[in-house]
PDB file of N, CA and C in Angstrom:
ATOM      1  N   UNK A   1      35.606 -12.993  60.730  1.00  0.00           N
ATOM      2  CA  UNK A   1      35.949 -11.635  61.134  1.00  0.00           C
ATOM      3  C   UNK A   1      36.971 -11.085  60.133  1.00  0.00           C
ATOM      4  N   UNK A   2      36.897  -9.829  59.894  1.00  0.00           N
ATOM      5  CA  UNK A   2      37.776  -9.150  58.949  1.00  0.00           C
ATOM      6  C   UNK A   2      39.220  -9.166  59.481  1.00  0.00           C
ATOM      7  N   UNK A   3      40.126  -9.801  58.745  1.00  0.00           N
ATOM      8  CA  UNK A   3      41.512  -9.941  59.215  1.00  0.00           C
ATOM      9  C   UNK A   3      42.228  -8.599  59.311  1.00  0.00           C
ATOM     10  N   UNK A   4      41.902  -7.669  58.419  1.00  0.00           N
ATOM     11  CA  UNK A   4      42.503  -6.340  58.483  1.00  0.00           C
ATOM     12  C   UNK A   4      42.100  -5.642  59.786  1.00  0.00           C
ATOM     13  N   UNK A   5      40.844  -5.770  60.151  1.00  0.00           N
ATOM     14  CA  UNK A   5      40.361  -5.176  61.401  1.00  0.00           C
ATOM     15  C   UNK A   5      41.032  -5.821  62.604  1.00  0.00           C
ATOM     16  N   UNK A   6      41.195  -7.132  62.573  1.00  0.00           N
ATOM     17  CA  UNK A   6      41.874  -7.832  63.669  1.00  0.00           C
ATOM     18  C   UNK A   6      43.321  -7.343  63.778  1.00  0.00           C
ATOM     19  N   UNK A   7      43.992  -7.232  62.647  1.00  0.00           N
ATOM     20  CA  UNK A   7      45.369  -6.724  62.648  1.00  0.00           C
ATOM     21  C   UNK A   7      45.429  -5.321  63.247  1.00  0.00           C
ATOM     22  N   UNK A   8      44.496  -4.454  62.862  1.00  0.00           N
ATOM     23  CA  UNK A   8      44.474  -3.089  63.398  1.00  0.00           C
ATOM     24  C   UNK A   8      44.264  -3.099  64.915  1.00  0.00           C
ATOM     25  N   UNK A   9      43.353  -3.933  65.401  1.00  0.00           N
ATOM     26  CA  UNK A   9      43.075  -3.953  66.850  1.00  0.00           C
ATOM     27  C   UNK A   9      44.249  -4.539  67.618  1.00  0.00           C
ATOM     28  N   UNK A  10      44.836  -5.614  67.120  1.00  0.00           N
ATOM     29  CA  UNK A  10      45.986  -6.190  67.817  1.00  0.00           C
ATOM     30  C   UNK A  10      47.133  -5.178  67.847  1.00  0.00           C
ATOM     31  N   UNK A  11      47.356  -4.479  66.740  1.00  0.00           N
ATOM     32  CA  UNK A  11      48.388  -3.439  66.711  1.00  0.00           C
ATOM     33  C   UNK A  11      48.019  -2.294  67.651  1.00  0.00           C
ATOM     34  N   UNK A  12      46.738  -1.977  67.720  1.00  0.00           N
ATOM     35  CA  UNK A  12      46.248  -0.961  68.664  1.00  0.00           C
ATOM     36  C   UNK A  12      46.623  -1.339  70.090  1.00  0.00           C
ATOM     37  N   UNK A  13      46.441  -2.618  70.451  1.00  0.00           N
ATOM     38  CA  UNK A  13      46.751  -3.044  71.816  1.00  0.00           C
ATOM     39  C   UNK A  13      48.246  -2.947  72.108  1.00  0.00           C
ATOM     40  N   UNK A  14      49.066  -3.177  71.097  1.00  0.00           N
ATOM     41  CA  UNK A  14      50.518  -3.041  71.283  1.00  0.00           C
ATOM     42  C   UNK A  14      50.866  -1.580  71.543  1.00  0.00           C
ATOM     43  N   UNK A  15      50.320  -0.668  70.739  1.00  0.00           N
ATOM     44  CA  UNK A  15      50.583   0.756  70.945  1.00  0.00           C
ATOM     45  C   UNK A  15      50.075   1.224  72.311  1.00  0.00           C
ATOM     46  N   UNK A  16      48.918   0.722  72.722  1.00  0.00           N
ATOM     47  CA  UNK A  16      48.367   1.098  74.025  1.00  0.00           C
ATOM     48  C   UNK A  16      49.264   0.603  75.159  1.00  0.00           C
ATOM     49  N   UNK A  17      49.748  -0.618  75.047  1.00  0.00           N
ATOM     50  CA  UNK A  17      50.643  -1.161  76.075  1.00  0.00           C
ATOM     51  C   UNK A  17      51.953  -0.386  76.121  1.00  0.00           C
ATOM     52  N   UNK A  18      52.484  -0.036  74.961  1.00  0.00           N
ATOM     53  CA  UNK A  18      53.710   0.772  74.928  1.00  0.00           C
ATOM     54  C   UNK A  18      53.455   2.132  75.566  1.00  0.00           C
ATOM     55  N   UNK A  19      52.299   2.717  75.288  1.00  0.00           N
ATOM     56  CA  UNK A  19      51.940   3.987  75.916  1.00  0.00           C
ATOM     57  C   UNK A  19      51.900   3.886  77.429  1.00  0.00           C
ATOM     58  N   UNK A  20      51.364   2.792  77.942  1.00  0.00           N
ATOM     59  CA  UNK A  20      51.309   2.606  79.393  1.00  0.00           C
ATOM     60  C   UNK A  20      52.704   2.441  79.982  1.00  0.00           C
ATOM     61  N   UNK A  21      53.565   1.739  79.282  1.00  0.00           N
ATOM     62  CA  UNK A  21      54.953   1.601  79.731  1.00  0.00           C
ATOM     63  C   UNK A  21      55.641   2.965  79.755  1.00  0.00           C
ATOM     64  N   UNK A  22      55.426   3.743  78.724  1.00  0.00           N
ATOM     65  CA  UNK A  22      56.025   5.088  78.679  1.00  0.00           C
ATOM     66  C   UNK A  22      55.491   5.959  79.812  1.00  0.00           C
ATOM     67  N   UNK A  23      54.203   5.835  80.122  1.00  0.00           N
ATOM     68  CA  UNK A  23      53.652   6.610  81.242  1.00  0.00           C
ATOM     69  C   UNK A  23      54.261   6.162  82.565  1.00  0.00           C
ATOM     70  N   UNK A  24      54.536   4.885  82.688  1.00  0.00           N
ATOM     71  CA  UNK A  24      55.212   4.402  83.902  1.00  0.00           C
ATOM     72  C   UNK A  24      56.590   5.051  84.019  1.00  0.00           C
ATOM     73  N   UNK A  25      57.329   5.093  82.897  1.00  0.00           N
ATOM     74  CA  UNK A  25      58.634   5.758  82.900  1.00  0.00           C
ATOM     75  C   UNK A  25      58.489   7.238  83.245  1.00  0.00           C
ATOM     76  N   UNK A  26      57.427   7.856  82.748  1.00  0.00           N
ATOM     77  CA  UNK A  26      57.234   9.295  82.982  1.00  0.00           C
ATOM     78  C   UNK A  26      56.910   9.609  84.434  1.00  0.00           C
ATOM     79  N   UNK A  27      56.379   8.632  85.160  1.00  0.00           N
ATOM     80  CA  UNK A  27      55.942   8.893  86.532  1.00  0.00           C
ATOM     81  C   UNK A  27      57.100   9.230  87.467  1.00  0.00           C
ATOM     82  N   UNK A  28      58.322   8.816  87.112  1.00  0.00           N
ATOM     83  CA  UNK A  28      59.479   9.120  87.960  1.00  0.00           C
ATOM     84  C   UNK A  28      59.767  10.613  88.032  1.00  0.00           C
ATOM     85  N   UNK A  29      59.451  11.326  86.950  1.00  0.00           N
ATOM     86  CA  UNK A  29      59.771  12.755  86.919  1.00  0.00           C
ATOM     87  C   UNK A  29      58.543  13.616  86.652  1.00  0.00           C
ATOM     88  N   UNK A  30      57.357  13.070  86.902  1.00  0.00           N
ATOM     89  CA  UNK A  30      56.130  13.808  86.609  1.00  0.00           C
ATOM     90  C   UNK A  30      55.941  14.954  87.581  1.00  0.00           C
ATOM     91  N   UNK A  31      55.540  16.107  87.036  1.00  0.00           N
ATOM     92  CA  UNK A  31      55.231  17.271  87.858  1.00  0.00           C
ATOM     93  C   UNK A  31      53.974  17.926  87.306  1.00  0.00           C
ATOM     94  N   UNK A  32      53.085  18.344  88.214  1.00  0.00           N
ATOM     95  CA  UNK A  32      51.848  19.008  87.814  1.00  0.00           C
ATOM     96  C   UNK A  32      52.113  20.480  87.507  1.00  0.00           C
ATOM     97  N   UNK A  33      52.713  20.720  86.371  1.00  0.00           N
ATOM     98  CA  UNK A  33      52.921  22.079  85.884  1.00  0.00           C
ATOM     99  C   UNK A  33      53.007  22.012  84.371  1.00  0.00           C
ATOM    100  N   UNK A  34      52.825  23.142  83.710  1.00  0.00           N
ATOM    101  CA  UNK A  34      52.892  23.143  82.250  1.00  0.00           C
ATOM    102  C   UNK A  34      54.249  22.682  81.757  1.00  0.00           C
ATOM    103  N   UNK A  35      55.292  23.213  82.336  1.00  0.00           N
ATOM    104  CA  UNK A  35      56.628  22.797  81.892  1.00  0.00           C
ATOM    105  C   UNK A  35      56.905  21.357  82.300  1.00  0.00           C
ATOM    106  N   UNK A  36      56.418  20.951  83.466  1.00  0.00           N
ATOM    107  CA  UNK A  36      56.621  19.581  83.916  1.00  0.00           C
ATOM    108  C   UNK A  36      55.953  18.567  82.997  1.00  0.00           C
ATOM    109  N   UNK A  37      54.832  18.960  82.421  1.00  0.00           N
ATOM    110  CA  UNK A  37      54.121  18.072  81.505  1.00  0.00           C
ATOM    111  C   UNK A  37      54.759  18.098  80.112  1.00  0.00           C
ATOM    112  N   UNK A  38      55.013  19.289  79.594  1.00  0.00           N
ATOM    113  CA  UNK A  38      55.500  19.397  78.221  1.00  0.00           C
ATOM    114  C   UNK A  38      56.971  19.036  78.064  1.00  0.00           C
ATOM    115  N   UNK A  39      57.716  18.987  79.149  1.00  0.00           N
ATOM    116  CA  UNK A  39      59.112  18.581  79.073  1.00  0.00           C
ATOM    117  C   UNK A  39      59.325  17.126  79.481  1.00  0.00           C
ATOM    118  N   UNK A  40      58.253  16.450  79.793  1.00  0.00           N
ATOM    119  CA  UNK A  40      58.326  15.037  80.157  1.00  0.00           C
ATOM    120  C   UNK A  40      58.121  14.221  78.874  1.00  0.00           C
ATOM    121  N   UNK A  41      59.209  13.854  78.238  1.00  0.00           N
ATOM    122  CA  UNK A  41      59.142  13.223  76.931  1.00  0.00           C
ATOM    123  C   UNK A  41      58.491  11.844  76.976  1.00  0.00           C
ATOM    124  N   UNK A  42      58.697  11.113  78.036  1.00  0.00           N
ATOM    125  CA  UNK A  42      58.020   9.823  78.157  1.00  0.00           C
ATOM    126  C   UNK A  42      56.505  10.000  78.204  1.00  0.00           C
ATOM    127  N   UNK A  43      56.056  11.016  78.917  1.00  0.00           N
ATOM    128  CA  UNK A  43      54.627  11.298  78.996  1.00  0.00           C
ATOM    129  C   UNK A  43      54.072  11.635  77.612  1.00  0.00           C
ATOM    130  N   UNK A  44      54.753  12.507  76.898  1.00  0.00           N
ATOM    131  CA  UNK A  44      54.301  12.907  75.567  1.00  0.00           C
ATOM    132  C   UNK A  44      54.343  11.742  74.580  1.00  0.00           C
ATOM    133  N   UNK A  45      55.398  10.936  74.638  1.00  0.00           N
ATOM    134  CA  UNK A  45      55.472   9.766  73.761  1.00  0.00           C
ATOM    135  C   UNK A  45      54.373   8.755  74.100  1.00  0.00           C
ATOM    136  N   UNK A  46      54.033   8.663  75.373  1.00  0.00           N
ATOM    137  CA  UNK A  46      52.926   7.798  75.775  1.00  0.00           C
ATOM    138  C   UNK A  46      51.613   8.255  75.161  1.00  0.00           C
ATOM    139  N   UNK A  47      51.372   9.575  75.159  1.00  0.00           N
ATOM    140  CA  UNK A  47      50.160  10.103  74.519  1.00  0.00           C
ATOM    141  C   UNK A  47      50.170   9.837  73.023  1.00  0.00           C
ATOM    142  N   UNK A  48      51.313   9.981  72.394  1.00  0.00           N
ATOM    143  CA  UNK A  48      51.414   9.709  70.955  1.00  0.00           C
ATOM    144  C   UNK A  48      51.129   8.236  70.675  1.00  0.00           C
ATOM    145  N   UNK A  49      51.684   7.356  71.496  1.00  0.00           N
ATOM    146  CA  UNK A  49      51.449   5.924  71.326  1.00  0.00           C
ATOM    147  C   UNK A  49      49.969   5.592  71.518  1.00  0.00           C
ATOM    148  N   UNK A  50      49.358   6.163  72.544  1.00  0.00           N
ATOM    149  CA  UNK A  50      47.933   5.954  72.766  1.00  0.00           C
ATOM    150  C   UNK A  50      47.124   6.495  71.593  1.00  0.00           C
ATOM    151  N   UNK A  51      47.525   7.644  71.069  1.00  0.00           N
ATOM    152  CA  UNK A  51      46.833   8.227  69.919  1.00  0.00           C
ATOM    153  C   UNK A  51      46.902   7.338  68.695  1.00  0.00           C
ATOM    154  N   UNK A  52      48.058   6.727  68.470  1.00  0.00           N
ATOM    155  CA  UNK A  52      48.203   5.793  67.351  1.00  0.00           C
ATOM    156  C   UNK A  52      47.269   4.597  67.543  1.00  0.00           C
ATOM    157  N   UNK A  53      47.193   4.091  68.774  1.00  0.00           N
ATOM    158  CA  UNK A  53      46.283   2.989  69.061  1.00  0.00           C
ATOM    159  C   UNK A  53      44.832   3.381  68.837  1.00  0.00           C
ATOM    160  N   UNK A  54      44.478   4.581  69.242  1.00  0.00           N
ATOM    161  CA  UNK A  54      43.125   5.104  69.047  1.00  0.00           C
ATOM    162  C   UNK A  54      42.774   5.139  67.564  1.00  0.00           C
ATOM    163  N   UNK A  55      43.682   5.660  66.745  1.00  0.00           N
ATOM    164  CA  UNK A  55      43.414   5.741  65.311  1.00  0.00           C
ATOM    165  C   UNK A  55      43.264   4.357  64.681  1.00  0.00           C
ATOM    166  N   UNK A  56      44.081   3.417  65.106  1.00  0.00           N
ATOM    167  CA  UNK A  56      43.962   2.059  64.585  1.00  0.00           C
ATOM    168  C   UNK A  56      42.630   1.425  64.980  1.00  0.00           C
ATOM    169  N   UNK A  57      42.175   1.688  66.200  1.00  0.00           N
ATOM    170  CA  UNK A  57      40.891   1.145  66.634  1.00  0.00           C
ATOM    171  C   UNK A  57      39.754   1.738  65.801  1.00  0.00           C
ATOM    172  N   UNK A  58      39.815   3.027  65.545  1.00  0.00           N
ATOM    173  CA  UNK A  58      38.790   3.668  64.716  1.00  0.00           C
ATOM    174  C   UNK A  58      38.769   3.050  63.324  1.00  0.00           C
ATOM    175  N   UNK A  59      39.949   2.822  62.743  1.00  0.00           N
ATOM    176  CA  UNK A  59      40.015   2.194  61.423  1.00  0.00           C
ATOM    177  C   UNK A  59      39.426   0.790  61.449  1.00  0.00           C
ATOM    178  N   UNK A  60      39.708   0.050  62.499  1.00  0.00           N
ATOM    179  CA  UNK A  60      39.188  -1.313  62.607  1.00  0.00           C
ATOM    180  C   UNK A  60      37.667  -1.318  62.731  1.00  0.00           C
ATOM    181  N   UNK A  61      37.131  -0.359  63.454  1.00  0.00           N
ATOM    182  CA  UNK A  61      35.689  -0.323  63.688  1.00  0.00           C
ATOM    183  C   UNK A  61      34.893   0.027  62.432  1.00  0.00           C
ATOM    184  N   UNK A  62      35.555   0.559  61.427  1.00  0.00           N
ATOM    185  CA  UNK A  62      34.847   0.865  60.183  1.00  0.00           C
ATOM    186  C   UNK A  62      34.345  -0.398  59.501  1.00  0.00           C
ATOM    187  N   UNK A  63      35.038  -1.502  59.686  1.00  0.00           N
ATOM    188  CA  UNK A  63      34.748  -2.713  58.934  1.00  0.00           C
ATOM    189  C   UNK A  63      34.144  -3.854  59.741  1.00  0.00           C
ATOM    190  N   UNK A  64      34.160  -3.754  61.068  1.00  0.00           N
ATOM    191  CA  UNK A  64      33.733  -4.885  61.895  1.00  0.00           C
ATOM    192  C   UNK A  64      32.967  -4.365  63.114  1.00  0.00           C
ATOM    193  N   UNK A  65      32.060  -5.161  63.602  1.00  0.00           N
ATOM    194  CA  UNK A  65      31.231  -4.784  64.753  1.00  0.00           C
ATOM    195  C   UNK A  65      32.078  -4.623  66.013  1.00  0.00           C
ATOM    196  N   UNK A  66      31.735  -3.647  66.810  1.00  0.00           N
ATOM    197  CA  UNK A  66      32.428  -3.391  68.074  1.00  0.00           C
ATOM    198  C   UNK A  66      32.400  -4.613  68.982  1.00  0.00           C
ATOM    199  N   UNK A  67      31.251  -5.265  69.054  1.00  0.00           N
ATOM    200  CA  UNK A  67      31.123  -6.427  69.950  1.00  0.00           C
ATOM    201  C   UNK A  67      32.022  -7.584  69.524  1.00  0.00           C
ATOM    202  N   UNK A  68      32.430  -7.620  68.276  1.00  0.00           N
ATOM    203  CA  UNK A  68      33.338  -8.664  67.796  1.00  0.00           C
ATOM    204  C   UNK A  68      34.793  -8.302  68.061  1.00  0.00           C
ATOM    205  N   UNK A  69      35.113  -7.012  67.960  1.00  0.00           N
ATOM    206  CA  UNK A  69      36.508  -6.577  68.086  1.00  0.00           C
ATOM    207  C   UNK A  69      36.934  -6.307  69.524  1.00  0.00           C
ATOM    208  N   UNK A  70      36.010  -5.831  70.330  1.00  0.00           N
ATOM    209  CA  UNK A  70      36.407  -5.339  71.650  1.00  0.00           C
ATOM    210  C   UNK A  70      37.056  -6.392  72.555  1.00  0.00           C
ATOM    211  N   UNK A  71      36.681  -7.660  72.483  1.00  0.00           N
ATOM    212  CA  UNK A  71      37.400  -8.640  73.313  1.00  0.00           C
ATOM    213  C   UNK A  71      38.907  -8.660  73.046  1.00  0.00           C
ATOM    214  N   UNK A  72      39.307  -8.308  71.843  1.00  0.00           N
ATOM    215  CA  UNK A  72      40.735  -8.290  71.522  1.00  0.00           C
ATOM    216  C   UNK A  72      41.494  -7.224  72.306  1.00  0.00           C
ATOM    217  N   UNK A  73      40.788  -6.202  72.784  1.00  0.00           N
ATOM    218  CA  UNK A  73      41.429  -5.134  73.562  1.00  0.00           C
ATOM    219  C   UNK A  73      42.074  -5.716  74.826  1.00  0.00           C
ATOM    220  N   UNK A  74      41.540  -6.817  75.322  1.00  0.00           N
ATOM    221  CA  UNK A  74      42.117  -7.417  76.533  1.00  0.00           C
ATOM    222  C   UNK A  74      43.535  -7.931  76.303  1.00  0.00           C
ATOM    223  N   UNK A  75      43.953  -8.045  75.051  1.00  0.00           N
ATOM    224  CA  UNK A  75      45.341  -8.424  74.777  1.00  0.00           C
ATOM    225  C   UNK A  75      46.322  -7.403  75.341  1.00  0.00           C
ATOM    226  N   UNK A  76      45.861  -6.190  75.560  1.00  0.00           N
ATOM    227  CA  UNK A  76      46.716  -5.154  76.151  1.00  0.00           C
ATOM    228  C   UNK A  76      47.295  -5.632  77.477  1.00  0.00           C
ATOM    229  N   UNK A  77      46.494  -6.342  78.289  1.00  0.00           N
ATOM    230  CA  UNK A  77      46.976  -6.853  79.575  1.00  0.00           C
ATOM    231  C   UNK A  77      48.186  -7.772  79.391  1.00  0.00           C
ATOM    232  N   UNK A  78      48.152  -8.567  78.331  1.00  0.00           N
ATOM    233  CA  UNK A  78      49.254  -9.488  78.068  1.00  0.00           C
ATOM    234  C   UNK A  78      50.508  -8.719  77.687  1.00  0.00           C
ATOM    235  N   UNK A  79      50.366  -7.766  76.760  1.00  0.00           N
ATOM    236  CA  UNK A  79      51.538  -6.980  76.327  1.00  0.00           C
ATOM    237  C   UNK A  79      52.128  -6.210  77.501  1.00  0.00           C
ATOM    238  N   UNK A  80      51.275  -5.632  78.351  1.00  0.00           N
ATOM    239  CA  UNK A  80      51.769  -4.875  79.506  1.00  0.00           C
ATOM    240  C   UNK A  80      52.541  -5.802  80.447  1.00  0.00           C
ATOM    241  N   UNK A  81      52.046  -7.002  80.643  1.00  0.00           N
ATOM    242  CA  UNK A  81      52.751  -7.952  81.518  1.00  0.00           C
ATOM    243  C   UNK A  81      54.139  -8.248  80.972  1.00  0.00           C
ATOM    244  N   UNK A  82      54.234  -8.521  79.676  1.00  0.00           N
ATOM    245  CA  UNK A  82      55.539  -8.836  79.091  1.00  0.00           C
ATOM    246  C   UNK A  82      56.463  -7.622  79.039  1.00  0.00           C
ATOM    247  N   UNK A  83      55.915  -6.448  78.722  1.00  0.00           N
ATOM    248  CA  UNK A  83      56.738  -5.235  78.725  1.00  0.00           C
ATOM    249  C   UNK A  83      57.243  -4.932  80.128  1.00  0.00           C
ATOM    250  N   UNK A  84      56.390  -5.138  81.133  1.00  0.00           N
ATOM    251  CA  UNK A  84      56.795  -4.916  82.524  1.00  0.00           C
ATOM    252  C   UNK A  84      57.879  -5.898  82.945  1.00  0.00           C
ATOM    253  N   UNK A  85      57.759  -7.121  82.487  1.00  0.00           N
ATOM    254  CA  UNK A  85      58.758  -8.138  82.795  1.00  0.00           C
ATOM    255  C   UNK A  85      60.118  -7.759  82.206  1.00  0.00           C
ATOM    256  N   UNK A  86      60.131  -7.364  80.939  1.00  0.00           N
ATOM    257  CA  UNK A  86      61.397  -7.122  80.251  1.00  0.00           C
ATOM    258  C   UNK A  86      61.997  -5.741  80.517  1.00  0.00           C
ATOM    259  N   UNK A  87      61.161  -4.707  80.610  1.00  0.00           N
ATOM    260  CA  UNK A  87      61.700  -3.352  80.748  1.00  0.00           C
ATOM    261  C   UNK A  87      61.729  -2.845  82.182  1.00  0.00           C
ATOM    262  N   UNK A  88      60.827  -3.335  83.012  1.00  0.00           N
ATOM    263  CA  UNK A  88      60.761  -2.869  84.400  1.00  0.00           C
ATOM    264  C   UNK A  88      61.247  -3.920  85.388  1.00  0.00           C
ATOM    265  N   UNK A  89      61.554  -5.101  84.879  1.00  0.00           N
ATOM    266  CA  UNK A  89      62.011  -6.220  85.703  1.00  0.00           C
ATOM    267  C   UNK A  89      60.989  -6.588  86.778  1.00  0.00           C
ATOM    268  N   UNK A  90      59.709  -6.432  86.454  1.00  0.00           N
ATOM    269  CA  UNK A  90      58.654  -6.827  87.375  1.00  0.00           C
ATOM    270  C   UNK A  90      58.424  -8.331  87.257  1.00  0.00           C
ATOM    271  N   UNK A  91      58.086  -8.945  88.342  1.00  0.00           N
ATOM    272  CA  UNK A  91      57.841 -10.385  88.353  1.00  0.00           C
ATOM    273  C   UNK A  91      56.425 -10.678  87.868  1.00  0.00           C
ATOM    274  N   UNK A  92      56.268 -11.798  87.196  1.00  0.00           N
ATOM    275  CA  UNK A  92      54.952 -12.286  86.805  1.00  0.00           C
ATOM    276  C   UNK A  92      54.683 -13.542  87.634  1.00  0.00           C
ATOM    277  N   UNK A  93      53.700 -13.451  88.507  1.00  0.00           N
ATOM    278  CA  UNK A  93      53.396 -14.570  89.406  1.00  0.00           C
ATOM    279  C   UNK A  93      52.666 -15.682  88.653  1.00  0.00           C
ATOM    280  N   UNK A  94      52.551 -16.811  89.300  1.00  0.00           N
ATOM    281  CA  UNK A  94      51.826 -17.926  88.710  1.00  0.00           C
ATOM    282  C   UNK A  94      50.373 -17.532  88.436  1.00  0.00           C
ATOM    283  N   UNK A  95      49.771 -16.750  89.337  1.00  0.00           N
ATOM    284  CA  UNK A  95      48.403 -16.277  89.128  1.00  0.00           C
ATOM    285  C   UNK A  95      48.319 -15.402  87.881  1.00  0.00           C
ATOM    286  N   UNK A  96      49.333 -14.552  87.680  1.00  0.00           N
ATOM    287  CA  UNK A  96      49.353 -13.724  86.481  1.00  0.00           C
ATOM    288  C   UNK A  96      49.430 -14.585  85.218  1.00  0.00           C
ATOM    289  N   UNK A  97      50.261 -15.635  85.261  1.00  0.00           N
ATOM    290  CA  UNK A  97      50.373 -16.526  84.105  1.00  0.00           C
ATOM    291  C   UNK A  97      49.037 -17.204  83.814  1.00  0.00           C
ATOM    292  N   UNK A  98      48.337 -17.632  84.867  1.00  0.00           N
ATOM    293  CA  UNK A  98      47.014 -18.224  84.669  1.00  0.00           C
ATOM    294  C   UNK A  98      46.050 -17.196  84.083  1.00  0.00           C
ATOM    295  N   UNK A  99      46.129 -15.984  84.554  1.00  0.00           N
ATOM    296  CA  UNK A  99      45.292 -14.911  84.018  1.00  0.00           C
ATOM    297  C   UNK A  99      45.582 -14.641  82.550  1.00  0.00           C
ATOM    298  N   UNK A 100      46.853 -14.641  82.193  1.00  0.00           N
ATOM    299  CA  UNK A 100      47.227 -14.445  80.793  1.00  0.00           C
ATOM    300  C   UNK A 100      46.654 -15.580  79.940  1.00  0.00           C
ATOM    301  N   UNK A 101      46.757 -16.796  80.441  1.00  0.00           N
ATOM    302  CA  UNK A 101      46.176 -17.929  79.723  1.00  0.00           C
ATOM    303  C   UNK A 101      44.669 -17.798  79.573  1.00  0.00           C
ATOM    304  N   UNK A 102      44.009 -17.355  80.643  1.00  0.00           N
ATOM    305  CA  UNK A 102      42.559 -17.169  80.590  1.00  0.00           C
ATOM    306  C   UNK A 102      42.171 -16.098  79.574  1.00  0.00           C
ATOM    307  N   UNK A 103      42.970 -15.032  79.495  1.00  0.00           N
ATOM    308  CA  UNK A 103      42.699 -13.979  78.513  1.00  0.00           C
ATOM    309  C   UNK A 103      42.816 -14.536  77.100  1.00  0.00           C
ATOM    310  N   UNK A 104      43.863 -15.299  76.857  1.00  0.00           N
ATOM    311  CA  UNK A 104      44.057 -15.873  75.520  1.00  0.00           C
ATOM    312  C   UNK A 104      42.877 -16.770  75.148  1.00  0.00           C
ATOM    313  N   UNK A 105      42.476 -17.635  76.075  1.00  0.00           N
ATOM    314  CA  UNK A 105      41.347 -18.539  75.805  1.00  0.00           C
ATOM    315  C   UNK A 105      40.062 -17.722  75.627  1.00  0.00           C
ATOM    316  N   UNK A 106      39.860 -16.737  76.484  1.00  0.00           N
ATOM    317  CA  UNK A 106      38.663 -15.904  76.382  1.00  0.00           C
ATOM    318  C   UNK A 106      38.591 -15.144  75.072  1.00  0.00           C
ATOM    319  N   UNK A 107      39.707 -14.587  74.636  1.00  0.00           N
ATOM    320  CA  UNK A 107      39.744 -13.878  73.359  1.00  0.00           C
ATOM    321  C   UNK A 107      39.422 -14.839  72.219  1.00  0.00           C
ATOM    322  N   UNK A 108      39.962 -16.029  72.289  1.00  0.00           N
ATOM    323  CA  UNK A 108      39.693 -17.016  71.240  1.00  0.00           C
ATOM    324  C   UNK A 108      38.200 -17.351  71.167  1.00  0.00           C
ATOM    325  N   UNK A 109      37.548 -17.489  72.322  1.00  0.00           N
ATOM    326  CA  UNK A 109      36.122 -17.795  72.327  1.00  0.00           C
ATOM    327  C   UNK A 109      35.272 -16.605  71.899  1.00  0.00           C
ATOM    328  N   UNK A 110      35.563 -15.428  72.431  1.00  0.00           N
ATOM    329  CA  UNK A 110      34.729 -14.263  72.174  1.00  0.00           C
ATOM    330  C   UNK A 110      34.905 -13.687  70.774  1.00  0.00           C
ATOM    331  N   UNK A 111      36.139 -13.631  70.313  1.00  0.00           N
ATOM    332  CA  UNK A 111      36.381 -13.017  69.015  1.00  0.00           C
ATOM    333  C   UNK A 111      36.337 -14.031  67.890  1.00  0.00           C
ATOM    334  N   UNK A 112      36.490 -15.292  68.219  1.00  0.00           N
ATOM    335  CA  UNK A 112      36.467 -16.324  67.198  1.00  0.00           C
ATOM    336  C   UNK A 112      35.065 -16.751  66.848  1.00  0.00           C
ATOM    337  N   UNK A 113      34.967 -17.708  66.001  1.00  0.00           N
ATOM    338  CA  UNK A 113      33.659 -18.229  65.615  1.00  0.00           C
ATOM    339  C   UNK A 113      32.915 -17.297  64.685  1.00  0.00           C
ATOM    340  N   UNK A 114      31.655 -17.611  64.455  1.00  0.00           N
ATOM    341  CA  UNK A 114      30.896 -16.796  63.505  1.00  0.00           C
ATOM    342  C   UNK A 114      29.924 -15.884  64.197  1.00  0.00           C
TER     343      UNK A 114
END
């Protein structure tokens, strides 16, 4: 697999996870109005982070098959778990840890090999 494409997708998942964390922060003050949306900086930064992830995914797809790269998108779940642990003080249960391990093993099987 193209290492540049893998780097782009893994970086994409980091930006996507950061975007989700920012949206979580934005939910405390979210309001369904034009000013409520445009003055919610966490919300806007979340969109920017997601946009950066989108662009990286597009760049990665230029060089490698979607079916090879897409399993790496599941890494987002891992980053979100760790970001939630450190920034939101959310607990990670034993089941979550097993799930994270399963994702890592699954990504290795699906994205690895020839």
